[in-house]
Amino acid sequence: YQVIAVRELIRSFAGTRTVLVASHVLTEIEKIAT
């Protein structure tokens, strides 16, 4: 549940803030990043 909440928060920044997310988890990066 916490992962989903943080993921949605990061996606909400698209277009308004520049976000660089570093991770070793491929599935999370795939769902977050453009």
All heavy atoms as atom14 arrays in JSON, in Angstrom:
{
  "sequence": "YQVIAVRELIRSFAGTRTVLVASHVLTEIEKIAT",
  "atom14_mask": [
    [1, 1, 1, 1, 1, 1, 1, 1, 1, 1, 1, 1, 0, 0],
    [1, 1, 1, 1, 1, 1, 1, 1, 1, 0, 0, 0, 0, 0],
    [1, 1, 1, 1, 1, 1, 1, 0, 0, 0, 0, 0, 0, 0],
    [1, 1, 1, 1, 1, 1, 1, 1, 0, 0, 0, 0, 0, 0],
    [1, 1, 1, 1, 1, 0, 0, 0, 0, 0, 0, 0, 0, 0],
    [1, 1, 1, 1, 1, 1, 1, 0, 0, 0, 0, 0, 0, 0],
    [1, 1, 1, 1, 1, 1, 1, 1, 1, 1, 1, 0, 0, 0],
    [1, 1, 1, 1, 1, 1, 1, 1, 1, 0, 0, 0, 0, 0],
    [1, 1, 1, 1, 1, 1, 1, 1, 0, 0, 0, 0, 0, 0],
    [1, 1, 1, 1, 1, 1, 1, 1, 0, 0, 0, 0, 0, 0],
    [1, 1, 1, 1, 1, 1, 1, 1, 1, 1, 1, 0, 0, 0],
    [1, 1, 1, 1, 1, 1, 0, 0, 0, 0, 0, 0, 0, 0],
    [1, 1, 1, 1, 1, 1, 1, 1, 1, 1, 1, 0, 0, 0],
    [1, 1, 1, 1, 1, 0, 0, 0, 0, 0, 0, 0, 0, 0],
    [1, 1, 1, 1, 0, 0, 0, 0, 0, 0, 0, 0, 0, 0],
    [1, 1, 1, 1, 1, 1, 1, 0, 0, 0, 0, 0, 0, 0],
    [1, 1, 1, 1, 1, 1, 1, 1, 1, 1, 1, 0, 0, 0],
    [1, 1, 1, 1, 1, 1, 1, 0, 0, 0, 0, 0, 0, 0],
    [1, 1, 1, 1, 1, 1, 1, 0, 0, 0, 0, 0, 0, 0],
    [1, 1, 1, 1, 1, 1, 1, 1, 0, 0, 0, 0, 0, 0],
    [1, 1, 1, 1, 1, 1, 1, 0, 0, 0, 0, 0, 0, 0],
    [1, 1, 1, 1, 1, 0, 0, 0, 0, 0, 0, 0, 0, 0],
    [1, 1, 1, 1, 1, 1, 0, 0, 0, 0, 0, 0, 0, 0],
    [1, 1, 1, 1, 1, 1, 1, 1, 1, 1, 0, 0, 0, 0],
    [1, 1, 1, 1, 1, 1, 1, 0, 0, 0, 0, 0, 0, 0],
    [1, 1, 1, 1, 1, 1, 1, 1, 0, 0, 0, 0, 0, 0],
    [1, 1, 1, 1, 1, 1, 1, 0, 0, 0, 0, 0, 0, 0],
    [1, 1, 1, 1, 1, 1, 1, 1, 1, 0, 0, 0, 0, 0],
    [1, 1, 1, 1, 1, 1, 1, 1, 0, 0, 0, 0, 0, 0],
    [1, 1, 1, 1, 1, 1, 1, 1, 1, 0, 0, 0, 0, 0],
    [1, 1, 1, 1, 1, 1, 1, 1, 1, 0, 0, 0, 0, 0],
    [1, 1, 1, 1, 1, 1, 1, 1, 0, 0, 0, 0, 0, 0],
    [1, 1, 1, 1, 1, 0, 0, 0, 0, 0, 0, 0, 0, 0],
    [1, 1, 1, 1, 1, 1, 1, 0, 0, 0, 0, 0, 0, 0]
  ],
  "atom14_positions": [
    [[0.83, -1.21, 0.0], [0.0, 0.0, 0.0], [0.87, 1.26, 0.0], [0.56, 2.25, -0.68], [-0.93, 0.0, 1.21], [-2.02, -1.05, 1.15], [-1.96, -2.18, 1.96], [-3.09, -0.92, 0.27], [-2.94, -3.16, 1.89], [-4.08, -1.89, 0.2], [-4.0, -3.01, 1.02], [-4.97, -3.97, 0.95], [0.0, 0.0, 0.0], [0.0, 0.0, 0.0]],
    [[1.95, 1.23, 0.77], [2.83, 2.38, 0.83], [3.54, 2.61, -0.5], [3.72, 3.75, -0.94], [3.86, 2.17, 1.95], [3.24, 2.14, 3.34], [4.17, 1.54, 4.38], [5.19, 0.96, 4.05], [3.81, 1.68, 5.64], [0.0, 0.0, 0.0], [0.0, 0.0, 0.0], [0.0, 0.0, 0.0], [0.0, 0.0, 0.0], [0.0, 0.0, 0.0]],
    [[3.93, 1.52, -1.17], [4.57, 1.62, -2.48], [3.64, 2.29, -3.47], [4.03, 3.19, -4.22], [5.01, 0.24, -2.98], [5.36, 0.29, -4.47], [6.2, -0.27, -2.18], [0.0, 0.0, 0.0], [0.0, 0.0, 0.0], [0.0, 0.0, 0.0], [0.0, 0.0, 0.0], [0.0, 0.0, 0.0], [0.0, 0.0, 0.0], [0.0, 0.0, 0.0]],
    [[2.38, 1.87, -3.48], [1.4, 2.44, -4.41], [1.22, 3.93, -4.15], [1.17, 4.75, -5.08], [0.05, 1.69, -4.3], [0.21, 0.26, -4.84], [-1.05, 2.43, -5.05], [-0.98, -0.63, -4.55], [0.0, 0.0, 0.0], [0.0, 0.0, 0.0], [0.0, 0.0, 0.0], [0.0, 0.0, 0.0], [0.0, 0.0, 0.0], [0.0, 0.0, 0.0]],
    [[1.14, 4.32, -2.87], [0.94, 5.73, -2.53], [2.13, 6.58, -2.97], [1.95, 7.66, -3.57], [0.72, 5.87, -1.02], [0.0, 0.0, 0.0], [0.0, 0.0, 0.0], [0.0, 0.0, 0.0], [0.0, 0.0, 0.0], [0.0, 0.0, 0.0], [0.0, 0.0, 0.0], [0.0, 0.0, 0.0], [0.0, 0.0, 0.0], [0.0, 0.0, 0.0]],
    [[3.35, 6.12, -2.71], [4.53, 6.88, -3.11], [4.65, 6.93, -4.63], [5.0, 7.95, -5.21], [5.8, 6.27, -2.48], [7.06, 6.92, -3.04], [5.77, 6.42, -0.96], [0.0, 0.0, 0.0], [0.0, 0.0, 0.0], [0.0, 0.0, 0.0], [0.0, 0.0, 0.0], [0.0, 0.0, 0.0], [0.0, 0.0, 0.0], [0.0, 0.0, 0.0]],
    [[4.33, 5.81, -5.28], [4.38, 5.75, -6.75], [3.43, 6.77, -7.37], [3.8, 7.51, -8.3], [4.01, 4.35, -7.2], [4.14, 4.1, -8.69], [3.46, 2.79, -9.06], [4.01, 1.68, -8.32], [3.34, 0.55, -8.1], [2.1, 0.4, -8.51], [3.91, -0.45, -7.45], [0.0, 0.0, 0.0], [0.0, 0.0, 0.0], [0.0, 0.0, 0.0]],
    [[2.2, 6.85, -6.85], [1.22, 7.8, -7.38], [1.66, 9.24, -7.12], [1.47, 10.12, -7.96], [-0.15, 7.52, -6.77], [-0.77, 6.21, -7.25], [-2.1, 5.93, -6.58], [-2.44, 6.64, -5.6], [-2.79, 5.0, -7.02], [0.0, 0.0, 0.0], [0.0, 0.0, 0.0], [0.0, 0.0, 0.0], [0.0, 0.0, 0.0], [0.0, 0.0, 0.0]],
    [[2.27, 9.48, -5.96], [2.75, 10.81, -5.64], [3.82, 11.25, -6.64], [3.77, 12.36, -7.18], [3.32, 10.84, -4.23], [3.99, 12.14, -3.81], [2.98, 13.26, -3.68], [4.77, 11.95, -2.52], [0.0, 0.0, 0.0], [0.0, 0.0, 0.0], [0.0, 0.0, 0.0], [0.0, 0.0, 0.0], [0.0, 0.0, 0.0], [0.0, 0.0, 0.0]],
    [[4.79, 10.38, -6.91], [5.87, 10.71, -7.84], [5.32, 10.97, -9.23], [5.71, 11.94, -9.9], [6.92, 9.6, -7.86], [7.62, 9.51, -6.5], [7.95, 9.84, -8.97], [8.52, 8.3, -6.34], [0.0, 0.0, 0.0], [0.0, 0.0, 0.0], [0.0, 0.0, 0.0], [0.0, 0.0, 0.0], [0.0, 0.0, 0.0], [0.0, 0.0, 0.0]],
    [[4.38, 10.14, -9.67], [3.8, 10.34, -11.01], [3.05, 11.66, -11.09], [2.98, 12.27, -12.15], [2.88, 9.18, -11.35], [3.61, 7.9, -11.76], [2.69, 6.98, -12.55], [1.56, 6.56, -11.76], [1.33, 5.3, -11.37], [2.18, 4.35, -11.68], [0.26, 5.0, -10.67], [0.0, 0.0, 0.0], [0.0, 0.0, 0.0], [0.0, 0.0, 0.0]],
    [[2.5, 12.12, -9.97], [1.73, 13.36, -9.99], [2.61, 14.58, -10.24], [2.12, 15.65, -10.6], [0.97, 13.54, -8.67], [1.86, 13.89, -7.6], [0.0, 0.0, 0.0], [0.0, 0.0, 0.0], [0.0, 0.0, 0.0], [0.0, 0.0, 0.0], [0.0, 0.0, 0.0], [0.0, 0.0, 0.0], [0.0, 0.0, 0.0], [0.0, 0.0, 0.0]],
    [[3.9, 14.44, -10.05], [4.82, 15.57, -10.27], [5.15, 15.79, -11.74], [5.73, 16.82, -12.1], [6.13, 15.35, -9.51], [5.99, 15.37, -8.02], [6.6, 14.42, -7.23], [5.23, 16.35, -7.39], [6.48, 14.43, -5.85], [5.1, 16.38, -6.01], [5.73, 15.41, -5.24], [0.0, 0.0, 0.0], [0.0, 0.0, 0.0], [0.0, 0.0, 0.0]],
    [[4.83, 14.82, -12.59], [5.19, 14.91, -14.02], [4.63, 16.2, -14.62], [3.46, 16.53, -14.46], [4.66, 13.7, -14.78], [0.0, 0.0, 0.0], [0.0, 0.0, 0.0], [0.0, 0.0, 0.0], [0.0, 0.0, 0.0], [0.0, 0.0, 0.0], [0.0, 0.0, 0.0], [0.0, 0.0, 0.0], [0.0, 0.0, 0.0], [0.0, 0.0, 0.0]],
    [[5.49, 16.93, -15.31], [5.09, 18.16, -15.96], [5.23, 19.39, -15.1], [5.35, 20.51, -15.61], [0.0, 0.0, 0.0], [0.0, 0.0, 0.0], [0.0, 0.0, 0.0], [0.0, 0.0, 0.0], [0.0, 0.0, 0.0], [0.0, 0.0, 0.0], [0.0, 0.0, 0.0], [0.0, 0.0, 0.0], [0.0, 0.0, 0.0], [0.0, 0.0, 0.0]],
    [[5.22, 19.23, -13.78], [5.34, 20.37, -12.87], [6.69, 20.43, -12.19], [7.16, 21.51, -11.83], [4.23, 20.35, -11.8], [4.35, 19.14, -11.03], [2.86, 20.41, -12.45], [0.0, 0.0, 0.0], [0.0, 0.0, 0.0], [0.0, 0.0, 0.0], [0.0, 0.0, 0.0], [0.0, 0.0, 0.0], [0.0, 0.0, 0.0], [0.0, 0.0, 0.0]],
    [[7.29, 19.28, -11.97], [8.63, 19.2, -11.39], [9.46, 18.19, -12.18], [8.93, 17.25, -12.75], [8.58, 18.75, -9.92], [8.18, 19.84, -8.95], [8.32, 19.32, -7.52], [8.11, 20.4, -6.55], [6.93, 20.76, -6.06], [5.85, 20.12, -6.47], [6.82, 21.74, -5.19], [0.0, 0.0, 0.0], [0.0, 0.0, 0.0], [0.0, 0.0, 0.0]],
    [[10.76, 18.42, -12.17], [11.68, 17.44, -12.73], [12.02, 16.45, -11.63], [12.39, 16.85, -10.52], [12.96, 18.13, -13.23], [12.61, 19.14, -14.18], [13.91, 17.13, -13.86], [0.0, 0.0, 0.0], [0.0, 0.0, 0.0], [0.0, 0.0, 0.0], [0.0, 0.0, 0.0], [0.0, 0.0, 0.0], [0.0, 0.0, 0.0], [0.0, 0.0, 0.0]],
    [[11.88, 15.16, -11.92], [12.12, 14.13, -10.9], [13.12, 13.11, -11.44], [12.93, 12.57, -12.54], [10.82, 13.42, -10.5], [11.09, 12.43, -9.36], [9.75, 14.43, -10.07], [0.0, 0.0, 0.0], [0.0, 0.0, 0.0], [0.0, 0.0, 0.0], [0.0, 0.0, 0.0], [0.0, 0.0, 0.0], [0.0, 0.0, 0.0], [0.0, 0.0, 0.0]],
    [[14.14, 12.83, -10.65], [15.08, 11.75, -10.95], [14.97, 10.74, -9.82], [15.22, 11.07, -8.66], [16.52, 12.28, -11.06], [17.59, 11.22, -11.34], [17.39, 10.6, -12.72], [18.99, 11.82, -11.24], [0.0, 0.0, 0.0], [0.0, 0.0, 0.0], [0.0, 0.0, 0.0], [0.0, 0.0, 0.0], [0.0, 0.0, 0.0], [0.0, 0.0, 0.0]],
    [[14.58, 9.52, -10.16], [14.39, 8.45, -9.18], [15.41, 7.36, -9.42], [15.43, 6.76, -10.51], [12.97, 7.86, -9.26], [12.76, 6.83, -8.15], [11.91, 8.94, -9.19], [0.0, 0.0, 0.0], [0.0, 0.0, 0.0], [0.0, 0.0, 0.0], [0.0, 0.0, 0.0], [0.0, 0.0, 0.0], [0.0, 0.0, 0.0], [0.0, 0.0, 0.0]],
    [[16.25, 7.08, -8.44], [17.22, 6.0, -8.55], [16.69, 4.77, -7.82], [16.18, 4.88, -6.7], [18.56, 6.43, -7.94], [0.0, 0.0, 0.0], [0.0, 0.0, 0.0], [0.0, 0.0, 0.0], [0.0, 0.0, 0.0], [0.0, 0.0, 0.0], [0.0, 0.0, 0.0], [0.0, 0.0, 0.0], [0.0, 0.0, 0.0], [0.0, 0.0, 0.0]],
    [[16.8, 3.62, -8.47], [16.29, 2.39, -7.85], [16.93, 1.16, -8.48], [17.35, 1.2, -9.64], [14.77, 2.3, -7.99], [14.28, 1.1, -7.42], [0.0, 0.0, 0.0], [0.0, 0.0, 0.0], [0.0, 0.0, 0.0], [0.0, 0.0, 0.0], [0.0, 0.0, 0.0], [0.0, 0.0, 0.0], [0.0, 0.0, 0.0], [0.0, 0.0, 0.0]],
    [[16.99, 0.07, -7.7], [17.43, -1.21, -8.25], [16.24, -2.09, -8.6], [16.42, -3.2, -9.1], [18.33, -1.94, -7.25], [17.6, -2.43, -6.03], [17.22, -1.6, -5.0], [17.15, -3.66, -5.68], [16.6, -2.3, -4.06], [16.54, -3.56, -4.46], [0.0, 0.0, 0.0], [0.0, 0.0, 0.0], [0.0, 0.0, 0.0], [0.0, 0.0, 0.0]],
    [[15.01, -1.6, -8.35], [13.8, -2.4, -8.58], [13.21, -2.05, -9.94], [12.6, -0.98, -10.12], [12.76, -2.16, -7.46], [11.54, -3.06, -7.68], [13.37, -2.41, -6.09], [0.0, 0.0, 0.0], [0.0, 0.0, 0.0], [0.0, 0.0, 0.0], [0.0, 0.0, 0.0], [0.0, 0.0, 0.0], [0.0, 0.0, 0.0], [0.0, 0.0, 0.0]],
    [[13.37, -2.94, -10.89], [12.96, -2.67, -12.27], [11.47, -2.38, -12.38], [11.06, -1.45, -13.08], [13.36, -3.86, -13.15], [13.14, -3.72, -14.66], [14.2, -4.53, -15.4], [11.76, -4.21, -15.08], [0.0, 0.0, 0.0], [0.0, 0.0, 0.0], [0.0, 0.0, 0.0], [0.0, 0.0, 0.0], [0.0, 0.0, 0.0], [0.0, 0.0, 0.0]],
    [[10.63, -3.18, -11.72], [9.19, -3.0, -11.86], [8.72, -1.65, -11.35], [7.79, -1.06, -11.91], [8.43, -4.12, -11.11], [8.91, -4.19, -9.75], [8.68, -5.47, -11.77], [0.0, 0.0, 0.0], [0.0, 0.0, 0.0], [0.0, 0.0, 0.0], [0.0, 0.0, 0.0], [0.0, 0.0, 0.0], [0.0, 0.0, 0.0], [0.0, 0.0, 0.0]],
    [[9.37, -1.14, -10.29], [8.98, 0.17, -9.76], [9.36, 1.29, -10.7], [8.57, 2.19, -10.97], [9.61, 0.39, -8.38], [8.94, -0.37, -7.28], [7.44, -0.11, -7.25], [7.02, 1.06, -7.22], [6.67, -1.09, -7.28], [0.0, 0.0, 0.0], [0.0, 0.0, 0.0], [0.0, 0.0, 0.0], [0.0, 0.0, 0.0], [0.0, 0.0, 0.0]],
    [[10.58, 1.24, -11.22], [11.03, 2.26, -12.16], [10.14, 2.26, -13.4], [9.77, 3.31, -13.92], [12.5, 2.0, -12.55], [13.42, 2.37, -11.39], [12.88, 2.79, -13.8], [13.51, 3.85, -11.11], [0.0, 0.0, 0.0], [0.0, 0.0, 0.0], [0.0, 0.0, 0.0], [0.0, 0.0, 0.0], [0.0, 0.0, 0.0], [0.0, 0.0, 0.0]],
    [[9.79, 1.08, -13.86], [8.96, 0.97, -15.07], [7.6, 1.62, -14.87], [7.03, 2.22, -15.8], [8.79, -0.51, -15.43], [8.17, -0.76, -16.78], [8.23, -2.22, -17.17], [8.32, -3.08, -16.28], [8.18, -2.5, -18.38], [0.0, 0.0, 0.0], [0.0, 0.0, 0.0], [0.0, 0.0, 0.0], [0.0, 0.0, 0.0], [0.0, 0.0, 0.0]],
    [[7.05, 1.55, -13.65], [5.73, 2.1, -13.38], [5.76, 3.6, -13.05], [4.73, 4.27, -13.16], [5.09, 1.34, -12.21], [4.72, -0.09, -12.58], [4.23, -0.86, -11.37], [3.91, -2.3, -11.73], [3.54, -3.11, -10.54], [0.0, 0.0, 0.0], [0.0, 0.0, 0.0], [0.0, 0.0, 0.0], [0.0, 0.0, 0.0], [0.0, 0.0, 0.0]],
    [[6.9, 4.1, -12.66], [7.01, 5.5, -12.24], [7.49, 6.41, -13.36], [6.94, 7.49, -13.58], [7.96, 5.62, -11.03], [7.33, 5.01, -9.78], [8.32, 7.08, -10.77], [8.28, 4.92, -8.6], [0.0, 0.0, 0.0], [0.0, 0.0, 0.0], [0.0, 0.0, 0.0], [0.0, 0.0, 0.0], [0.0, 0.0, 0.0], [0.0, 0.0, 0.0]],
    [[8.53, 5.97, -14.07], [9.28, 6.88, -14.94], [8.74, 6.91, -16.37], [8.25, 5.91, -16.89], [10.75, 6.47, -14.96], [0.0, 0.0, 0.0], [0.0, 0.0, 0.0], [0.0, 0.0, 0.0], [0.0, 0.0, 0.0], [0.0, 0.0, 0.0], [0.0, 0.0, 0.0], [0.0, 0.0, 0.0], [0.0, 0.0, 0.0], [0.0, 0.0, 0.0]],
    [[8.88, 8.07, -17.0], [8.56, 8.2, -18.42], [9.78, 7.86, -19.28], [9.65, 7.62, -20.47], [8.1, 9.63, -18.74], [9.11, 10.56, -18.29], [6.79, 9.94, -18.03], [0.0, 0.0, 0.0], [0.0, 0.0, 0.0], [0.0, 0.0, 0.0], [0.0, 0.0, 0.0], [0.0, 0.0, 0.0], [0.0, 0.0, 0.0], [0.0, 0.0, 0.0]]
  ]
}
